[in-house]
N, C-alpha and C. Protein backbone atom coordinates (compact mmCIF):
# COMPACT_ATOMS: atom_id res chain seq x y z
N MET A 1 27.20 -33.27 1.87
CA MET A 1 27.80 -32.06 2.39
C MET A 1 29.27 -31.96 1.98
N VAL A 2 29.99 -33.06 2.01
CA VAL A 2 31.40 -33.04 1.65
C VAL A 2 31.57 -32.63 0.20
N LEU A 3 30.67 -33.12 -0.66
CA LEU A 3 30.75 -32.78 -2.08
C LEU A 3 30.56 -31.28 -2.29
N SER A 4 29.60 -30.68 -1.62
CA SER A 4 29.37 -29.26 -1.84
C SER A 4 30.51 -28.41 -1.28
N VAL A 5 31.09 -28.82 -0.16
CA VAL A 5 32.22 -28.06 0.41
C VAL A 5 33.43 -28.16 -0.52
N SER A 6 33.74 -29.39 -0.99
CA SER A 6 34.88 -29.51 -1.89
C SER A 6 34.63 -28.83 -3.22
N GLY A 7 33.38 -28.83 -3.66
CA GLY A 7 33.05 -28.11 -4.89
C GLY A 7 33.25 -26.62 -4.74
N VAL A 8 32.86 -26.09 -3.60
CA VAL A 8 33.03 -24.65 -3.33
C VAL A 8 34.52 -24.31 -3.26
N VAL A 9 35.30 -25.16 -2.60
CA VAL A 9 36.74 -24.92 -2.50
C VAL A 9 37.38 -24.96 -3.89
N LEU A 10 37.01 -25.95 -4.69
CA LEU A 10 37.56 -26.07 -6.04
C LEU A 10 37.20 -24.85 -6.87
N LEU A 11 35.94 -24.44 -6.84
CA LEU A 11 35.54 -23.25 -7.60
C LEU A 11 36.21 -21.99 -7.07
N GLY A 12 36.44 -21.93 -5.76
CA GLY A 12 37.15 -20.78 -5.20
C GLY A 12 38.58 -20.71 -5.71
N VAL A 13 39.24 -21.86 -5.80
CA VAL A 13 40.60 -21.89 -6.34
C VAL A 13 40.60 -21.45 -7.80
N VAL A 14 39.61 -21.90 -8.56
CA VAL A 14 39.53 -21.50 -9.98
C VAL A 14 39.33 -19.99 -10.09
N VAL A 15 38.48 -19.43 -9.24
CA VAL A 15 38.26 -17.98 -9.28
C VAL A 15 39.55 -17.23 -8.95
N VAL A 16 40.28 -17.70 -7.95
CA VAL A 16 41.55 -17.04 -7.59
C VAL A 16 42.54 -17.12 -8.75
N LEU A 17 42.59 -18.28 -9.41
CA LEU A 17 43.48 -18.40 -10.57
C LEU A 17 43.05 -17.46 -11.70
N PHE A 18 41.75 -17.33 -11.90
CA PHE A 18 41.27 -16.40 -12.93
C PHE A 18 41.64 -14.97 -12.57
N PHE A 19 41.56 -14.62 -11.28
CA PHE A 19 41.95 -13.27 -10.86
C PHE A 19 43.40 -13.01 -11.20
N ARG A 20 44.26 -13.97 -10.89
CA ARG A 20 45.70 -13.76 -11.04
C ARG A 20 46.19 -13.92 -12.46
N LYS A 21 45.69 -14.92 -13.17
CA LYS A 21 46.25 -15.25 -14.49
C LYS A 21 45.48 -14.64 -15.66
N ASP A 22 44.16 -14.65 -15.59
CA ASP A 22 43.36 -14.26 -16.75
C ASP A 22 42.73 -12.88 -16.63
N GLY A 23 43.02 -12.17 -15.57
CA GLY A 23 42.51 -10.82 -15.45
C GLY A 23 41.02 -10.72 -15.15
N LEU A 24 40.49 -11.66 -14.38
CA LEU A 24 39.08 -11.59 -13.99
C LEU A 24 38.89 -10.37 -13.11
N LYS A 25 37.94 -9.57 -13.45
CA LYS A 25 37.69 -8.37 -12.67
C LYS A 25 36.77 -8.71 -11.50
N PRO A 26 36.92 -8.01 -10.38
CA PRO A 26 36.06 -8.29 -9.22
C PRO A 26 34.58 -8.15 -9.53
N THR A 27 34.22 -7.22 -10.39
CA THR A 27 32.81 -7.05 -10.73
C THR A 27 32.27 -8.26 -11.49
N HIS A 28 33.11 -8.85 -12.35
CA HIS A 28 32.68 -10.05 -13.07
C HIS A 28 32.46 -11.20 -12.09
N ALA A 29 33.37 -11.36 -11.14
CA ALA A 29 33.24 -12.41 -10.14
C ALA A 29 31.99 -12.20 -9.29
N LEU A 30 31.70 -10.96 -8.96
CA LEU A 30 30.51 -10.65 -8.17
C LEU A 30 29.24 -11.00 -8.94
N VAL A 31 29.20 -10.65 -10.22
CA VAL A 31 28.03 -10.96 -11.04
C VAL A 31 27.85 -12.47 -11.15
N CYS A 32 28.94 -13.21 -11.35
CA CYS A 32 28.85 -14.68 -11.44
C CYS A 32 28.39 -15.27 -10.12
N GLY A 33 28.88 -14.76 -9.02
CA GLY A 33 28.46 -15.24 -7.71
C GLY A 33 26.99 -14.97 -7.45
N LEU A 34 26.54 -13.79 -7.78
CA LEU A 34 25.12 -13.46 -7.61
C LEU A 34 24.24 -14.31 -8.52
N PHE A 35 24.70 -14.56 -9.73
CA PHE A 35 23.95 -15.42 -10.65
C PHE A 35 23.79 -16.82 -10.05
N GLY A 36 24.87 -17.38 -9.52
CA GLY A 36 24.80 -18.69 -8.89
C GLY A 36 23.92 -18.70 -7.66
N PHE A 37 23.99 -17.63 -6.88
CA PHE A 37 23.16 -17.53 -5.68
C PHE A 37 21.68 -17.52 -6.04
N TYR A 38 21.31 -16.73 -7.02
CA TYR A 38 19.90 -16.67 -7.40
C TYR A 38 19.46 -17.91 -8.18
N LEU A 39 20.36 -18.52 -8.92
CA LEU A 39 20.04 -19.75 -9.64
C LEU A 39 19.75 -20.88 -8.66
N ALA A 40 20.41 -20.87 -7.51
CA ALA A 40 20.20 -21.91 -6.50
C ALA A 40 18.78 -21.87 -5.93
N GLY A 41 18.10 -20.76 -6.07
CA GLY A 41 16.74 -20.63 -5.56
C GLY A 41 15.68 -20.97 -6.58
N THR A 42 16.06 -21.38 -7.77
CA THR A 42 15.08 -21.68 -8.81
C THR A 42 14.73 -23.16 -8.81
N ALA A 43 13.81 -23.54 -9.67
CA ALA A 43 13.40 -24.93 -9.81
C ALA A 43 14.48 -25.77 -10.48
N MET A 44 15.46 -25.14 -11.09
CA MET A 44 16.54 -25.88 -11.75
C MET A 44 17.60 -26.37 -10.77
N ALA A 45 17.61 -25.86 -9.56
CA ALA A 45 18.66 -26.18 -8.59
C ALA A 45 18.81 -27.68 -8.34
N PRO A 46 17.73 -28.45 -8.12
CA PRO A 46 17.92 -29.88 -7.89
C PRO A 46 18.55 -30.60 -9.09
N SER A 47 18.19 -30.20 -10.29
CA SER A 47 18.77 -30.82 -11.49
C SER A 47 20.25 -30.50 -11.61
N ILE A 48 20.62 -29.28 -11.31
CA ILE A 48 22.03 -28.87 -11.38
C ILE A 48 22.82 -29.61 -10.30
N GLU A 49 22.26 -29.73 -9.10
CA GLU A 49 22.93 -30.45 -8.02
C GLU A 49 23.10 -31.92 -8.36
N ALA A 50 22.07 -32.54 -8.95
CA ALA A 50 22.17 -33.94 -9.34
C ALA A 50 23.22 -34.13 -10.43
N GLY A 51 23.29 -33.21 -11.38
CA GLY A 51 24.31 -33.29 -12.43
C GLY A 51 25.70 -33.15 -11.86
N GLY A 52 25.88 -32.26 -10.91
CA GLY A 52 27.18 -32.10 -10.26
C GLY A 52 27.58 -33.34 -9.48
N ALA A 53 26.60 -33.97 -8.81
CA ALA A 53 26.89 -35.19 -8.06
C ALA A 53 27.27 -36.33 -9.01
N LYS A 54 26.58 -36.43 -10.13
CA LYS A 54 26.91 -37.47 -11.11
C LYS A 54 28.30 -37.24 -11.70
N LEU A 55 28.64 -35.99 -11.98
CA LEU A 55 29.97 -35.67 -12.49
C LEU A 55 31.05 -36.00 -11.47
N ALA A 56 30.79 -35.68 -10.21
CA ALA A 56 31.76 -36.00 -9.14
C ALA A 56 31.92 -37.50 -9.00
N HIS A 57 30.82 -38.24 -9.11
CA HIS A 57 30.88 -39.70 -9.02
C HIS A 57 31.67 -40.27 -10.20
N LEU A 58 31.44 -39.71 -11.39
CA LEU A 58 32.17 -40.14 -12.57
C LEU A 58 33.67 -39.87 -12.43
N LEU A 59 34.01 -38.67 -11.99
CA LEU A 59 35.43 -38.31 -11.82
C LEU A 59 36.06 -39.10 -10.68
N GLY A 60 35.28 -39.43 -9.65
CA GLY A 60 35.80 -40.21 -8.54
C GLY A 60 36.06 -41.65 -8.93
N GLY A 61 35.38 -42.14 -9.98
CA GLY A 61 35.57 -43.51 -10.41
C GLY A 61 36.73 -43.70 -11.37
N ILE A 62 37.32 -42.60 -11.82
CA ILE A 62 38.46 -42.70 -12.75
C ILE A 62 39.71 -43.01 -11.95
N ALA A 63 40.36 -44.10 -12.31
CA ALA A 63 41.60 -44.49 -11.63
C ALA A 63 42.78 -43.77 -12.28
N LEU A 64 43.55 -43.11 -11.45
CA LEU A 64 44.71 -42.38 -11.98
C LEU A 64 45.95 -43.20 -11.89
């Protein structure tokens, strides 16, 4: 649960930065959000979640 909440917060920050710096239009953000929402209901969702968890584990193991 912590991973998904922090992932959502991180992606939210990225979207806000895209709005301010790169000119992301609200309609583009809406389409991307809807795509992710519907993608989460497909058979690919567990594979995507496992890949995200592995990436988070990899990034968490990097010593700064």
